[in-house]
Amino acid sequence: QVQLVESGGGSVQAGGSVGLSCAASGYTGRPYCMGWFRQVPGKEREVVARMYTFDSSTHYADSVKGRFTISQDKAKNTLYLQMTSLKPEDAAMYYCAAAAAWSSARCRDDRYSYNYWGQGTQVTVSS
């Protein structure tokens, strides 16, 4: 049973930066597709960035390219999302998600492809 716990959320000023962490436990030796999603009330949960843990390949939503960086520390079983140049529209509940995958080609952007989820961490951006 994979468990994910996010941390690092909080209030940040527009133009500032914040880093999120996702601590994972219960992983097997299989590679995983892991992603960061965000959601605001009344809107669909959307992918922000994802990573295939085997080769650390990444994919970013167009809205965050050049501003956000997803990374991992395999030794610590932790996924990170470093967010810079934050905008008010970045404010959301951020979720960490994971799904076992044998190939990076199986990593998807839709939330329904992920079966493991954290409880979320709130990010508020003030302007």
C-alpha atoms as a PDB file:
ATOM      1  CA  GLN A   1       0.000   0.000   0.000  1.00  0.00           C
ATOM      2  CA  VAL A   2       1.561   3.227  -1.181  1.00  0.00           C
ATOM      3  CA  GLN A   3       1.058   6.246   1.019  1.00  0.00           C
ATOM      4  CA  LEU A   4       1.811   9.807   0.030  1.00  0.00           C
ATOM      5  CA  VAL A   5       2.086  12.795   2.322  1.00  0.00           C
ATOM      6  CA  GLU A   6       2.529  16.316   0.997  1.00  0.00           C
ATOM      7  CA  SER A   7       4.109  19.171   2.873  1.00  0.00           C
ATOM      8  CA  GLY A   8       5.470  22.625   2.237  1.00  0.00           C
ATOM      9  CA  GLY A   9       2.307  24.439   1.301  1.00  0.00           C
ATOM     10  CA  GLY A  10       1.445  27.810   2.690  1.00  0.00           C
ATOM     11  CA  SER A  11       1.093  31.450   1.814  1.00  0.00           C
ATOM     12  CA  VAL A  12       3.547  33.107  -0.536  1.00  0.00           C
ATOM     13  CA  GLN A  13       3.724  36.453  -2.261  1.00  0.00           C
ATOM     14  CA  ALA A  14       3.300  36.741  -5.997  1.00  0.00           C
ATOM     15  CA  GLY A  15       6.668  36.468  -7.658  1.00  0.00           C
ATOM     16  CA  GLY A  16       8.005  34.442  -4.795  1.00  0.00           C
ATOM     17  CA  SER A  17       8.838  30.798  -4.522  1.00  0.00           C
ATOM     18  CA  VAL A  18       7.902  27.789  -2.477  1.00  0.00           C
ATOM     19  CA  GLY A  19       8.885  24.149  -2.469  1.00  0.00           C
ATOM     20  CA  LEU A  20       6.571  21.214  -1.948  1.00  0.00           C
ATOM     21  CA  SER A  21       7.546  17.762  -0.800  1.00  0.00           C
ATOM     22  CA  CYS A  22       5.822  14.433  -1.175  1.00  0.00           C
ATOM     23  CA  ALA A  23       7.027  11.706   1.136  1.00  0.00           C
ATOM     24  CA  ALA A  24       6.216   8.242  -0.127  1.00  0.00           C
ATOM     25  CA  SER A  25       6.131   4.937   1.671  1.00  0.00           C
ATOM     26  CA  GLY A  26       5.135   1.420   0.768  1.00  0.00           C
ATOM     27  CA  TYR A  27       6.813   1.453  -2.632  1.00  0.00           C
ATOM     28  CA  THR A  28       8.039  -1.688  -4.337  1.00  0.00           C
ATOM     29  CA  GLY A  29      11.064  -1.853  -6.588  1.00  0.00           C
ATOM     30  CA  ARG A  30       8.923  -1.038  -9.602  1.00  0.00           C
ATOM     31  CA  PRO A  31       9.209   2.328 -11.297  1.00  0.00           C
ATOM     32  CA  TYR A  32       6.401   4.797 -10.782  1.00  0.00           C
ATOM     33  CA  CYS A  33       4.899   7.655 -12.612  1.00  0.00           C
ATOM     34  CA  MET A  34       4.501  10.415 -10.087  1.00  0.00           C
ATOM     35  CA  GLY A  35       2.793  13.698 -10.558  1.00  0.00           C
ATOM     36  CA  TRP A  36       1.796  16.937  -8.986  1.00  0.00           C
ATOM     37  CA  PHE A  37      -1.770  18.041  -9.547  1.00  0.00           C
ATOM     38  CA  ARG A  38      -3.631  21.104  -8.437  1.00  0.00           C
ATOM     39  CA  GLN A  39      -7.257  21.979  -8.027  1.00  0.00           C
ATOM     40  CA  VAL A  40      -9.294  25.026  -7.155  1.00  0.00           C
ATOM     41  CA  PRO A  41     -12.953  24.982  -6.097  1.00  0.00           C
ATOM     42  CA  GLY A  42     -15.309  24.496  -8.999  1.00  0.00           C
ATOM     43  CA  LYS A  43     -12.628  23.393 -11.414  1.00  0.00           C
ATOM     44  CA  GLU A  44     -11.206  20.097 -12.537  1.00  0.00           C
ATOM     45  CA  ARG A  45      -8.034  18.769 -11.019  1.00  0.00           C
ATOM     46  CA  GLU A  46      -5.203  19.315 -13.465  1.00  0.00           C
ATOM     47  CA  VAL A  47      -1.678  18.049 -13.816  1.00  0.00           C
ATOM     48  CA  VAL A  48       1.125  20.450 -13.057  1.00  0.00           C
ATOM     49  CA  ALA A  49       4.130  18.226 -13.591  1.00  0.00           C
ATOM     50  CA  ARG A  50       4.964  14.563 -13.646  1.00  0.00           C
ATOM     51  CA  MET A  51       8.022  12.364 -13.504  1.00  0.00           C
ATOM     52  CA  TYR A  52       8.898   8.795 -14.316  1.00  0.00           C
ATOM     53  CA  THR A  53      11.005   7.685 -11.385  1.00  0.00           C
ATOM     54  CA  PHE A  54      13.164   5.231 -13.307  1.00  0.00           C
ATOM     55  CA  ASP A  55      14.876   7.753 -15.534  1.00  0.00           C
ATOM     56  CA  SER A  56      13.676  11.010 -13.961  1.00  0.00           C
ATOM     57  CA  SER A  57      12.102  12.084 -17.216  1.00  0.00           C
ATOM     58  CA  THR A  58       9.675  14.940 -16.729  1.00  0.00           C
ATOM     59  CA  HIS A  59       6.714  16.673 -18.264  1.00  0.00           C
ATOM     60  CA  TYR A  60       5.230  20.030 -17.392  1.00  0.00           C
ATOM     61  CA  ALA A  61       1.985  21.763 -18.038  1.00  0.00           C
ATOM     62  CA  ASP A  62       2.441  24.689 -20.393  1.00  0.00           C
ATOM     63  CA  SER A  63       1.285  27.090 -17.722  1.00  0.00           C
ATOM     64  CA  VAL A  64       4.206  26.290 -15.437  1.00  0.00           C
ATOM     65  CA  LYS A  65       7.052  25.601 -17.845  1.00  0.00           C
ATOM     66  CA  GLY A  66      10.142  27.517 -16.899  1.00  0.00           C
ATOM     67  CA  ARG A  67       8.790  28.285 -13.449  1.00  0.00           C
ATOM     68  CA  PHE A  68       8.247  24.937 -11.746  1.00  0.00           C
ATOM     69  CA  THR A  69      10.695  22.086 -11.363  1.00  0.00           C
ATOM     70  CA  ILE A  70       9.830  18.536 -10.397  1.00  0.00           C
ATOM     71  CA  SER A  71      12.547  16.351  -8.936  1.00  0.00           C
ATOM     72  CA  GLN A  72      13.056  13.327  -6.758  1.00  0.00           C
ATOM     73  CA  ASP A  73      15.366  11.981  -4.107  1.00  0.00           C
ATOM     74  CA  LYS A  74      15.215   8.222  -4.449  1.00  0.00           C
ATOM     75  CA  ALA A  75      17.161   7.609  -1.258  1.00  0.00           C
ATOM     76  CA  LYS A  76      14.562   9.573   0.690  1.00  0.00           C
ATOM     77  CA  ASN A  77      11.571   8.320  -1.304  1.00  0.00           C
ATOM     78  CA  THR A  78      10.569  11.916  -1.773  1.00  0.00           C
ATOM     79  CA  LEU A  79       9.196  13.866  -4.700  1.00  0.00           C
ATOM     80  CA  TYR A  80       9.621  17.616  -4.885  1.00  0.00           C
ATOM     81  CA  LEU A  81       8.041  20.502  -6.688  1.00  0.00           C
ATOM     82  CA  GLN A  82       9.985  23.738  -6.646  1.00  0.00           C
ATOM     83  CA  MET A  83       7.788  26.628  -7.661  1.00  0.00           C
ATOM     84  CA  THR A  84       9.177  30.014  -8.578  1.00  0.00           C
ATOM     85  CA  SER A  85       7.773  33.223 -10.021  1.00  0.00           C
ATOM     86  CA  LEU A  86       4.444  32.352  -8.508  1.00  0.00           C
ATOM     87  CA  LYS A  87       1.308  33.928  -9.878  1.00  0.00           C
ATOM     88  CA  PRO A  88      -2.088  34.364  -8.238  1.00  0.00           C
ATOM     89  CA  GLU A  89      -3.488  31.733 -10.592  1.00  0.00           C
ATOM     90  CA  ASP A  90      -1.064  29.213  -9.111  1.00  0.00           C
ATOM     91  CA  ALA A  91      -3.004  29.246  -5.861  1.00  0.00           C
ATOM     92  CA  ALA A  92      -4.639  25.870  -5.385  1.00  0.00           C
ATOM     93  CA  MET A  93      -4.678  22.681  -3.429  1.00  0.00           C
ATOM     94  CA  TYR A  94      -1.684  20.718  -4.620  1.00  0.00           C
ATOM     95  CA  TYR A  95      -1.771  16.943  -4.646  1.00  0.00           C
ATOM     96  CA  CYS A  96       0.911  14.349  -5.051  1.00  0.00           C
ATOM     97  CA  ALA A  97      -0.068  11.271  -7.039  1.00  0.00           C
ATOM     98  CA  ALA A  98       1.536   8.006  -8.072  1.00  0.00           C
ATOM     99  CA  ALA A  99       0.917   5.012 -10.294  1.00  0.00           C
ATOM    100  CA  ALA A 100       3.089   1.995 -10.978  1.00  0.00           C
ATOM    101  CA  ALA A 101       4.362   2.017 -14.543  1.00  0.00           C
ATOM    102  CA  TRP A 102       6.781  -0.098 -16.512  1.00  0.00           C
ATOM    103  CA  SER A 103       7.320   2.561 -19.115  1.00  0.00           C
ATOM    104  CA  SER A 104       7.312   6.323 -19.182  1.00  0.00           C
ATOM    105  CA  ALA A 105       4.898   6.051 -22.076  1.00  0.00           C
ATOM    106  CA  ARG A 106       2.276   4.924 -19.603  1.00  0.00           C
ATOM    107  CA  CYS A 107       2.484   8.133 -17.618  1.00  0.00           C
ATOM    108  CA  ARG A 108      -0.637  10.197 -18.195  1.00  0.00           C
ATOM    109  CA  ASP A 109      -1.859  13.680 -17.437  1.00  0.00           C
ATOM    110  CA  ASP A 110      -5.374  12.780 -16.351  1.00  0.00           C
ATOM    111  CA  ARG A 111      -6.033  12.271 -12.660  1.00  0.00           C
ATOM    112  CA  TYR A 112      -7.834   8.983 -13.197  1.00  0.00           C
ATOM    113  CA  SER A 113      -4.620   7.294 -14.296  1.00  0.00           C
ATOM    114  CA  TYR A 114      -3.252   7.622 -10.774  1.00  0.00           C
ATOM    115  CA  ASN A 115      -4.429   5.345  -8.013  1.00  0.00           C
ATOM    116  CA  TYR A 116      -2.393   6.698  -5.115  1.00  0.00           C
ATOM    117  CA  TRP A 117      -2.974  10.174  -3.762  1.00  0.00           C
ATOM    118  CA  GLY A 118      -1.885  12.356  -0.914  1.00  0.00           C
ATOM    119  CA  GLN A 119      -4.266  14.506   1.082  1.00  0.00           C
ATOM    120  CA  GLY A 120      -3.072  17.702  -0.530  1.00  0.00           C
ATOM    121  CA  THR A 121      -1.359  20.840   0.648  1.00  0.00           C
ATOM    122  CA  GLN A 122      -2.763  24.316   0.167  1.00  0.00           C
ATOM    123  CA  VAL A 123      -0.787  26.983  -1.636  1.00  0.00           C
ATOM    124  CA  THR A 124      -2.012  30.548  -1.415  1.00  0.00           C
ATOM    125  CA  VAL A 125      -0.497  33.319  -3.508  1.00  0.00           C
ATOM    126  CA  SER A 126      -1.023  36.899  -2.436  1.00  0.00           C
ATOM    127  CA  SER A 127      -0.619  39.892  -4.705  1.00  0.00           C
END
